[in-house]
Amino acid sequence: MLTWLSRENLTFPPLERALREPNGLLAAGGDLSPERLVQAYRHGCFPWFQDGQPILWWSPDPRTVLPPQEVHVSHSLAKLIRQQRFRVTFDQDFAAVIEACAGPRSYTDGTWITTPMQAAYLELHRRGVAHSVEVWLGDELVGGLYGLAMGKLFFGESMFSRTDNASKVGFVTLTRHLNDWGFVLIDCQMPTQHLHSFGARSITREKFSRYLQLYLDQPNSANWVVA
């Protein structure tokens, strides 16, 4: 049975209780407070829901991940990065990045990055937990992504691109910095062809939980003002 969360209790049910269909649905309800969101990621789940739905919490099995040191960069993308056509920054305009990620997509009529979700992750950004990557063409923001950094793990949330390859350049730049900073894993959550082209792969929920246990509280050397 699906667990319904109260606003007063931040405890999530064991991941083993997540439903098989739909894959990974663990709980519903609660709120999007910073404390609950941090607890969710530490527990191994994340919020994902549409307008009009209750808050839904997911822990899919298998989980899509990518070790930053194993990212695959095509020859054409590597050449584009060397040309320095795009300028990449970190944490320069988190609000604009998450708003762009919430924008219309060709393959769907709605967005799961609702206004309350944007406000919640903006607060996590203010607290130094959520971070953004901005990709600029001149003075125009043409791509980017955002996610959460905890210990030696980065939890990717969403990306956008307004120009061909912009988000790819931002993602590869991020992976290279994460590798330099000692991060061991990027949580990509769900599989996509786009992520698999970079070398993302699936691991069991149990193995993902072990990563959480081992690396959530390990220090990293991140400097989010490097770019």
C-alpha atoms as a PDB file:
ATOM      1  CA  MET A   1       0.000   0.000   0.000  1.00  0.00           C
ATOM      2  CA  LEU A   2       1.111   3.565  -0.714  1.00  0.00           C
ATOM      3  CA  THR A   3       2.262   5.501   2.343  1.00  0.00           C
ATOM      4  CA  TRP A   4       0.731   8.935   2.928  1.00  0.00           C
ATOM      5  CA  LEU A   5       3.014  11.414   4.666  1.00  0.00           C
ATOM      6  CA  SER A   6       1.940  13.958   7.229  1.00  0.00           C
ATOM      7  CA  ARG A   7       3.320  17.482   7.377  1.00  0.00           C
ATOM      8  CA  GLU A   8       4.543  16.913  10.918  1.00  0.00           C
ATOM      9  CA  ASN A   9       6.712  13.855  10.254  1.00  0.00           C
ATOM     10  CA  LEU A  10       9.716  13.918   7.914  1.00  0.00           C
ATOM     11  CA  THR A  11      10.231  10.147   8.004  1.00  0.00           C
ATOM     12  CA  PHE A  12       9.913   8.252   4.719  1.00  0.00           C
ATOM     13  CA  PRO A  13       8.992   4.553   4.506  1.00  0.00           C
ATOM     14  CA  PRO A  14      11.741   2.037   3.682  1.00  0.00           C
ATOM     15  CA  LEU A  15      12.674   2.066   0.004  1.00  0.00           C
ATOM     16  CA  GLU A  16      11.772  -1.608  -0.247  1.00  0.00           C
ATOM     17  CA  ARG A  17       8.116  -0.577   0.069  1.00  0.00           C
ATOM     18  CA  ALA A  18       8.162   1.347  -3.214  1.00  0.00           C
ATOM     19  CA  LEU A  19       5.637   0.078  -5.732  1.00  0.00           C
ATOM     20  CA  ARG A  20       6.666  -1.970  -8.747  1.00  0.00           C
ATOM     21  CA  GLU A  21       3.908  -0.367 -10.819  1.00  0.00           C
ATOM     22  CA  PRO A  22       4.259   2.500 -11.278  1.00  0.00           C
ATOM     23  CA  ASN A  23       7.942   1.775 -10.806  1.00  0.00           C
ATOM     24  CA  GLY A  24       9.332   3.381  -7.676  1.00  0.00           C
ATOM     25  CA  LEU A  25       6.331   5.237  -6.282  1.00  0.00           C
ATOM     26  CA  LEU A  26       7.151   5.303  -2.575  1.00  0.00           C
ATOM     27  CA  ALA A  27       4.873   7.802  -0.859  1.00  0.00           C
ATOM     28  CA  ALA A  28       2.494  10.723  -1.320  1.00  0.00           C
ATOM     29  CA  GLY A  29       1.711  13.877   0.581  1.00  0.00           C
ATOM     30  CA  GLY A  30       3.819  15.833   3.018  1.00  0.00           C
ATOM     31  CA  ASP A  31       5.227  19.141   1.829  1.00  0.00           C
ATOM     32  CA  LEU A  32       8.150  20.661  -0.064  1.00  0.00           C
ATOM     33  CA  SER A  33       9.932  22.170   2.912  1.00  0.00           C
ATOM     34  CA  PRO A  34      13.734  22.348   2.611  1.00  0.00           C
ATOM     35  CA  GLU A  35      14.087  19.953   5.514  1.00  0.00           C
ATOM     36  CA  ARG A  36      11.860  17.335   3.880  1.00  0.00           C
ATOM     37  CA  LEU A  37      13.548  17.685   0.501  1.00  0.00           C
ATOM     38  CA  VAL A  38      16.992  17.184   1.993  1.00  0.00           C
ATOM     39  CA  GLN A  39      15.721  14.184   3.937  1.00  0.00           C
ATOM     40  CA  ALA A  40      14.163  12.748   0.768  1.00  0.00           C
ATOM     41  CA  TYR A  41      17.397  12.830  -1.211  1.00  0.00           C
ATOM     42  CA  ARG A  42      19.362  11.468   1.725  1.00  0.00           C
ATOM     43  CA  HIS A  43      16.830   8.647   1.948  1.00  0.00           C
ATOM     44  CA  GLY A  44      17.021   7.868  -1.773  1.00  0.00           C
ATOM     45  CA  CYS A  45      13.806   9.366  -3.153  1.00  0.00           C
ATOM     46  CA  PHE A  46      12.740  12.547  -4.936  1.00  0.00           C
ATOM     47  CA  PRO A  47       9.490  14.446  -5.683  1.00  0.00           C
ATOM     48  CA  TRP A  48       7.874  14.215  -9.097  1.00  0.00           C
ATOM     49  CA  PHE A  49       4.264  15.149  -9.770  1.00  0.00           C
ATOM     50  CA  GLN A  50       2.043  17.229 -12.044  1.00  0.00           C
ATOM     51  CA  ASP A  51      -0.226  20.152 -11.227  1.00  0.00           C
ATOM     52  CA  GLY A  52      -3.406  18.876  -9.610  1.00  0.00           C
ATOM     53  CA  GLN A  53      -1.715  15.786  -8.143  1.00  0.00           C
ATOM     54  CA  PRO A  54      -0.590  15.312  -4.554  1.00  0.00           C
ATOM     55  CA  ILE A  55       3.144  15.466  -3.948  1.00  0.00           C
ATOM     56  CA  LEU A  56       4.506  12.097  -5.087  1.00  0.00           C
ATOM     57  CA  TRP A  57       7.842  10.656  -3.930  1.00  0.00           C
ATOM     58  CA  TRP A  58       9.777   8.171  -6.083  1.00  0.00           C
ATOM     59  CA  SER A  59      12.636   5.710  -5.735  1.00  0.00           C
ATOM     60  CA  PRO A  60      12.839   3.784  -9.038  1.00  0.00           C
ATOM     61  CA  ASP A  61      14.524   0.416  -9.362  1.00  0.00           C
ATOM     62  CA  PRO A  62      16.798   0.347 -11.288  1.00  0.00           C
ATOM     63  CA  ARG A  63      18.287   3.833 -10.859  1.00  0.00           C
ATOM     64  CA  THR A  64      20.080   5.676 -13.645  1.00  0.00           C
ATOM     65  CA  VAL A  65      23.498   7.002 -12.596  1.00  0.00           C
ATOM     66  CA  LEU A  66      26.734   8.265 -14.114  1.00  0.00           C
ATOM     67  CA  PRO A  67      30.151   8.333 -12.432  1.00  0.00           C
ATOM     68  CA  PRO A  68      31.599  11.705 -13.518  1.00  0.00           C
ATOM     69  CA  GLN A  69      34.983  10.195 -14.361  1.00  0.00           C
ATOM     70  CA  GLU A  70      33.302   7.895 -16.889  1.00  0.00           C
ATOM     71  CA  VAL A  71      31.381  10.477 -18.916  1.00  0.00           C
ATOM     72  CA  HIS A  72      31.560   9.796 -22.646  1.00  0.00           C
ATOM     73  CA  VAL A  73      32.176  12.862 -24.824  1.00  0.00           C
ATOM     74  CA  SER A  74      31.813  12.489 -28.581  1.00  0.00           C
ATOM     75  CA  HIS A  75      34.530  13.866 -30.850  1.00  0.00           C
ATOM     76  CA  SER A  76      32.185  16.516 -32.226  1.00  0.00           C
ATOM     77  CA  LEU A  77      31.141  17.667 -28.749  1.00  0.00           C
ATOM     78  CA  ALA A  78      34.743  17.734 -27.528  1.00  0.00           C
ATOM     79  CA  LYS A  79      35.644  19.881 -30.539  1.00  0.00           C
ATOM     80  CA  LEU A  80      32.768  22.252 -29.797  1.00  0.00           C
ATOM     81  CA  ILE A  81      33.885  22.628 -26.184  1.00  0.00           C
ATOM     82  CA  ARG A  82      37.461  23.398 -27.288  1.00  0.00           C
ATOM     83  CA  GLN A  83      36.153  26.132 -29.586  1.00  0.00           C
ATOM     84  CA  GLN A  84      34.812  27.928 -26.487  1.00  0.00           C
ATOM     85  CA  ARG A  85      31.769  29.158 -28.361  1.00  0.00           C
ATOM     86  CA  PHE A  86      29.783  28.928 -25.144  1.00  0.00           C
ATOM     87  CA  ARG A  87      30.635  30.393 -21.747  1.00  0.00           C
ATOM     88  CA  VAL A  88      29.719  28.225 -18.749  1.00  0.00           C
ATOM     89  CA  THR A  89      29.121  29.548 -15.233  1.00  0.00           C
ATOM     90  CA  PHE A  90      27.923  28.052 -11.956  1.00  0.00           C
ATOM     91  CA  ASP A  91      25.342  29.511  -9.561  1.00  0.00           C
ATOM     92  CA  GLN A  92      25.056  32.805 -11.436  1.00  0.00           C
ATOM     93  CA  ASP A  93      21.296  32.693 -12.128  1.00  0.00           C
ATOM     94  CA  PHE A  94      19.631  29.720 -10.484  1.00  0.00           C
ATOM     95  CA  ALA A  95      16.172  31.299 -10.777  1.00  0.00           C
ATOM     96  CA  ALA A  96      16.466  31.734 -14.543  1.00  0.00           C
ATOM     97  CA  VAL A  97      17.721  28.168 -15.003  1.00  0.00           C
ATOM     98  CA  ILE A  98      14.917  26.500 -13.064  1.00  0.00           C
ATOM     99  CA  GLU A  99      12.327  28.719 -14.753  1.00  0.00           C
ATOM    100  CA  ALA A 100      13.698  27.710 -18.148  1.00  0.00           C
ATOM    101  CA  CYS A 101      13.680  24.036 -17.149  1.00  0.00           C
ATOM    102  CA  ALA A 102       9.999  24.436 -16.282  1.00  0.00           C
ATOM    103  CA  GLY A 103       9.193  25.889 -19.695  1.00  0.00           C
ATOM    104  CA  PRO A 104       7.145  24.178 -22.416  1.00  0.00           C
ATOM    105  CA  ARG A 105       8.564  21.034 -24.007  1.00  0.00           C
ATOM    106  CA  SER A 106       7.651  19.633 -27.415  1.00  0.00           C
ATOM    107  CA  TYR A 107       6.862  16.192 -25.975  1.00  0.00           C
ATOM    108  CA  THR A 108       4.498  17.222 -23.171  1.00  0.00           C
ATOM    109  CA  ASP A 109       1.774  19.750 -22.378  1.00  0.00           C
ATOM    110  CA  GLY A 110       2.615  20.114 -18.696  1.00  0.00           C
ATOM    111  CA  THR A 111       5.563  20.459 -16.366  1.00  0.00           C
ATOM    112  CA  TRP A 112       6.473  18.789 -13.100  1.00  0.00           C
ATOM    113  CA  ILE A 113       8.539  21.830 -12.108  1.00  0.00           C
ATOM    114  CA  THR A 114       5.535  23.667 -10.731  1.00  0.00           C
ATOM    115  CA  THR A 115       5.662  27.105  -9.121  1.00  0.00           C
ATOM    116  CA  PRO A 116       5.848  25.571  -5.602  1.00  0.00           C
ATOM    117  CA  MET A 117       8.654  23.269  -6.786  1.00  0.00           C
ATOM    118  CA  GLN A 118      10.599  26.238  -8.134  1.00  0.00           C
ATOM    119  CA  ALA A 119      10.201  28.092  -4.844  1.00  0.00           C
ATOM    120  CA  ALA A 120      11.327  25.033  -2.872  1.00  0.00           C
ATOM    121  CA  TYR A 121      14.514  24.503  -4.877  1.00  0.00           C
ATOM    122  CA  LEU A 122      15.274  28.222  -4.852  1.00  0.00           C
ATOM    123  CA  GLU A 123      15.297  27.996  -1.074  1.00  0.00           C
ATOM    124  CA  LEU A 124      17.648  25.000  -1.267  1.00  0.00           C
ATOM    125  CA  HIS A 125      19.873  27.112  -3.495  1.00  0.00           C
ATOM    126  CA  ARG A 126      19.893  29.900  -0.920  1.00  0.00           C
ATOM    127  CA  ARG A 127      20.974  27.332   1.653  1.00  0.00           C
ATOM    128  CA  GLY A 128      23.855  26.160  -0.519  1.00  0.00           C
ATOM    129  CA  VAL A 129      22.405  22.734  -1.309  1.00  0.00           C
ATOM    130  CA  ALA A 130      21.048  23.235  -4.859  1.00  0.00           C
ATOM    131  CA  HIS A 131      23.256  24.538  -7.649  1.00  0.00           C
ATOM    132  CA  SER A 132      22.852  25.670 -11.227  1.00  0.00           C
ATOM    133  CA  VAL A 133      24.958  25.537 -14.371  1.00  0.00           C
ATOM    134  CA  GLU A 134      24.418  28.330 -16.875  1.00  0.00           C
ATOM    135  CA  VAL A 135      25.463  28.216 -20.528  1.00  0.00           C
ATOM    136  CA  TRP A 136      25.780  31.566 -22.276  1.00  0.00           C
ATOM    137  CA  LEU A 137      26.093  32.596 -25.904  1.00  0.00           C
ATOM    138  CA  GLY A 138      27.297  36.137 -25.575  1.00  0.00           C
ATOM    139  CA  ASP A 139      25.010  37.642 -22.937  1.00  0.00           C
ATOM    140  CA  GLU A 140      22.110  35.270 -23.687  1.00  0.00           C
ATOM    141  CA  LEU A 141      21.295  32.296 -21.459  1.00  0.00           C
ATOM    142  CA  VAL A 142      20.914  29.442 -23.945  1.00  0.00           C
ATOM    143  CA  GLY A 143      21.167  26.349 -21.754  1.00  0.00           C
ATOM    144  CA  GLY A 144      21.697  25.007 -18.295  1.00  0.00           C
ATOM    145  CA  LEU A 145      20.815  22.533 -15.595  1.00  0.00           C
ATOM    146  CA  TYR A 146      20.378  22.301 -11.848  1.00  0.00           C
ATOM    147  CA  GLY A 147      20.643  19.737  -9.084  1.00  0.00           C
ATOM    148  CA  LEU A 148      21.684  19.097  -5.496  1.00  0.00           C
ATOM    149  CA  ALA A 149      25.168  18.451  -4.141  1.00  0.00           C
ATOM    150  CA  MET A 150      25.486  16.391  -0.958  1.00  0.00           C
ATOM    151  CA  GLY A 151      28.762  14.883   0.137  1.00  0.00           C
ATOM    152  CA  LYS A 152      30.347  13.270  -2.904  1.00  0.00           C
ATOM    153  CA  LEU A 153      27.039  12.806  -4.746  1.00  0.00           C
ATOM    154  CA  PHE A 154      25.320  15.130  -7.212  1.00  0.00           C
ATOM    155  CA  PHE A 155      21.587  14.672  -7.744  1.00  0.00           C
ATOM    156  CA  GLY A 156      20.681  15.960 -11.191  1.00  0.00           C
ATOM    157  CA  GLU A 157      17.183  17.377 -11.623  1.00  0.00           C
ATOM    158  CA  SER A 158      16.592  18.957 -15.020  1.00  0.00           C
ATOM    159  CA  MET A 159      18.269  20.659 -17.958  1.00  0.00           C
ATOM    160  CA  PHE A 160      17.217  22.858 -20.854  1.00  0.00           C
ATOM    161  CA  SER A 161      18.641  24.035 -24.146  1.00  0.00           C
ATOM    162  CA  ARG A 162      17.625  26.877 -26.421  1.00  0.00           C
ATOM    163  CA  THR A 163      20.518  26.316 -28.837  1.00  0.00           C
ATOM    164  CA  ASP A 164      21.881  23.063 -30.210  1.00  0.00           C
ATOM    165  CA  ASN A 165      24.331  21.374 -27.822  1.00  0.00           C
ATOM    166  CA  ALA A 166      24.135  24.101 -25.155  1.00  0.00           C
ATOM    167  CA  SER A 167      22.939  21.811 -22.376  1.00  0.00           C
ATOM    168  CA  LYS A 168      25.453  19.138 -23.439  1.00  0.00           C
ATOM    169  CA  VAL A 169      28.316  21.595 -23.048  1.00  0.00           C
ATOM    170  CA  GLY A 170      27.008  22.580 -19.621  1.00  0.00           C
ATOM    171  CA  PHE A 171      26.632  18.978 -18.513  1.00  0.00           C
ATOM    172  CA  VAL A 172      30.108  17.913 -19.641  1.00  0.00           C
ATOM    173  CA  THR A 173      31.636  20.976 -17.984  1.00  0.00           C
ATOM    174  CA  LEU A 174      29.848  20.067 -14.765  1.00  0.00           C
ATOM    175  CA  THR A 175      31.008  16.440 -14.873  1.00  0.00           C
ATOM    176  CA  ARG A 176      34.622  17.509 -15.299  1.00  0.00           C
ATOM    177  CA  HIS A 177      34.436  19.804 -12.298  1.00  0.00           C
ATOM    178  CA  LEU A 178      32.632  17.195 -10.197  1.00  0.00           C
ATOM    179  CA  ASN A 179      35.383  14.728 -11.006  1.00  0.00           C
ATOM    180  CA  ASP A 180      38.047  17.257  -9.997  1.00  0.00           C
ATOM    181  CA  TRP A 181      36.142  17.947  -6.761  1.00  0.00           C
ATOM    182  CA  GLY A 182      36.057  14.294  -5.746  1.00  0.00           C
ATOM    183  CA  PHE A 183      32.437  13.457  -6.531  1.00  0.00           C
ATOM    184  CA  VAL A 184      31.856   9.765  -7.231  1.00  0.00           C
ATOM    185  CA  LEU A 185      28.348   9.638  -8.712  1.00  0.00           C
ATOM    186  CA  ILE A 186      25.720  11.695 -10.521  1.00  0.00           C
ATOM    187  CA  ASP A 187      22.163  10.546  -9.848  1.00  0.00           C
ATOM    188  CA  CYS A 188      20.270  10.844 -13.145  1.00  0.00           C
ATOM    189  CA  GLN A 189      17.108   9.270 -11.669  1.00  0.00           C
ATOM    190  CA  MET A 190      15.369   7.949 -14.791  1.00  0.00           C
ATOM    191  CA  PRO A 191      16.847   6.613 -18.054  1.00  0.00           C
ATOM    192  CA  THR A 192      16.827   8.697 -21.235  1.00  0.00           C
ATOM    193  CA  GLN A 193      18.593   8.249 -24.552  1.00  0.00           C
ATOM    194  CA  HIS A 194      20.259  11.612 -23.985  1.00  0.00           C
ATOM    195  CA  LEU A 195      21.821  10.492 -20.697  1.00  0.00           C
ATOM    196  CA  HIS A 196      22.816   7.088 -22.038  1.00  0.00           C
ATOM    197  CA  SER A 197      24.742   8.838 -24.821  1.00  0.00           C
ATOM    198  CA  PHE A 198      26.992  10.222 -22.069  1.00  0.00           C
ATOM    199  CA  GLY A 199      27.526   6.786 -20.552  1.00  0.00           C
ATOM    200  CA  ALA A 200      24.794   6.750 -17.916  1.00  0.00           C
ATOM    201  CA  ARG A 201      23.839   3.267 -16.764  1.00  0.00           C
ATOM    202  CA  SER A 202      21.367   1.524 -14.499  1.00  0.00           C
ATOM    203  CA  ILE A 203      22.125   0.127 -11.057  1.00  0.00           C
ATOM    204  CA  THR A 204      19.834  -1.546  -8.554  1.00  0.00           C
ATOM    205  CA  ARG A 205      18.117   0.458  -5.857  1.00  0.00           C
ATOM    206  CA  GLU A 206      20.090  -1.548  -3.315  1.00  0.00           C
ATOM    207  CA  LYS A 207      23.406  -0.538  -4.857  1.00  0.00           C
ATOM    208  CA  PHE A 208      22.279   3.089  -5.061  1.00  0.00           C
ATOM    209  CA  SER A 209      21.432   2.956  -1.351  1.00  0.00           C
ATOM    210  CA  ARG A 210      24.974   1.786  -0.637  1.00  0.00           C
ATOM    211  CA  TYR A 211      26.326   4.830  -2.442  1.00  0.00           C
ATOM    212  CA  LEU A 212      24.166   6.979  -0.176  1.00  0.00           C
ATOM    213  CA  GLN A 213      25.485   5.265   2.917  1.00  0.00           C
ATOM    214  CA  LEU A 214      29.109   5.553   1.835  1.00  0.00           C
ATOM    215  CA  TYR A 215      29.328   9.023   0.328  1.00  0.00           C
ATOM    216  CA  LEU A 216      26.545  11.324   1.552  1.00  0.00           C
ATOM    217  CA  ASP A 217      28.573  12.564   4.495  1.00  0.00           C
ATOM    218  CA  GLN A 218      31.985  12.509   2.847  1.00  0.00           C
ATOM    219  CA  PRO A 219      33.590  15.929   2.251  1.00  0.00           C
ATOM    220  CA  ASN A 220      34.191  17.244  -1.238  1.00  0.00           C
ATOM    221  CA  SER A 221      36.341  20.106  -2.517  1.00  0.00           C
ATOM    222  CA  ALA A 222      33.631  21.851  -4.551  1.00  0.00           C
ATOM    223  CA  ASN A 223      34.030  25.522  -5.409  1.00  0.00           C
ATOM    224  CA  TRP A 224      30.841  26.659  -7.094  1.00  0.00           C
ATOM    225  CA  VAL A 225      32.283  30.040  -8.129  1.00  0.00           C
ATOM    226  CA  VAL A 226      35.057  28.604 -10.278  1.00  0.00           C
ATOM    227  CA  ALA A 227      33.451  29.359 -13.639  1.00  0.00           C
END
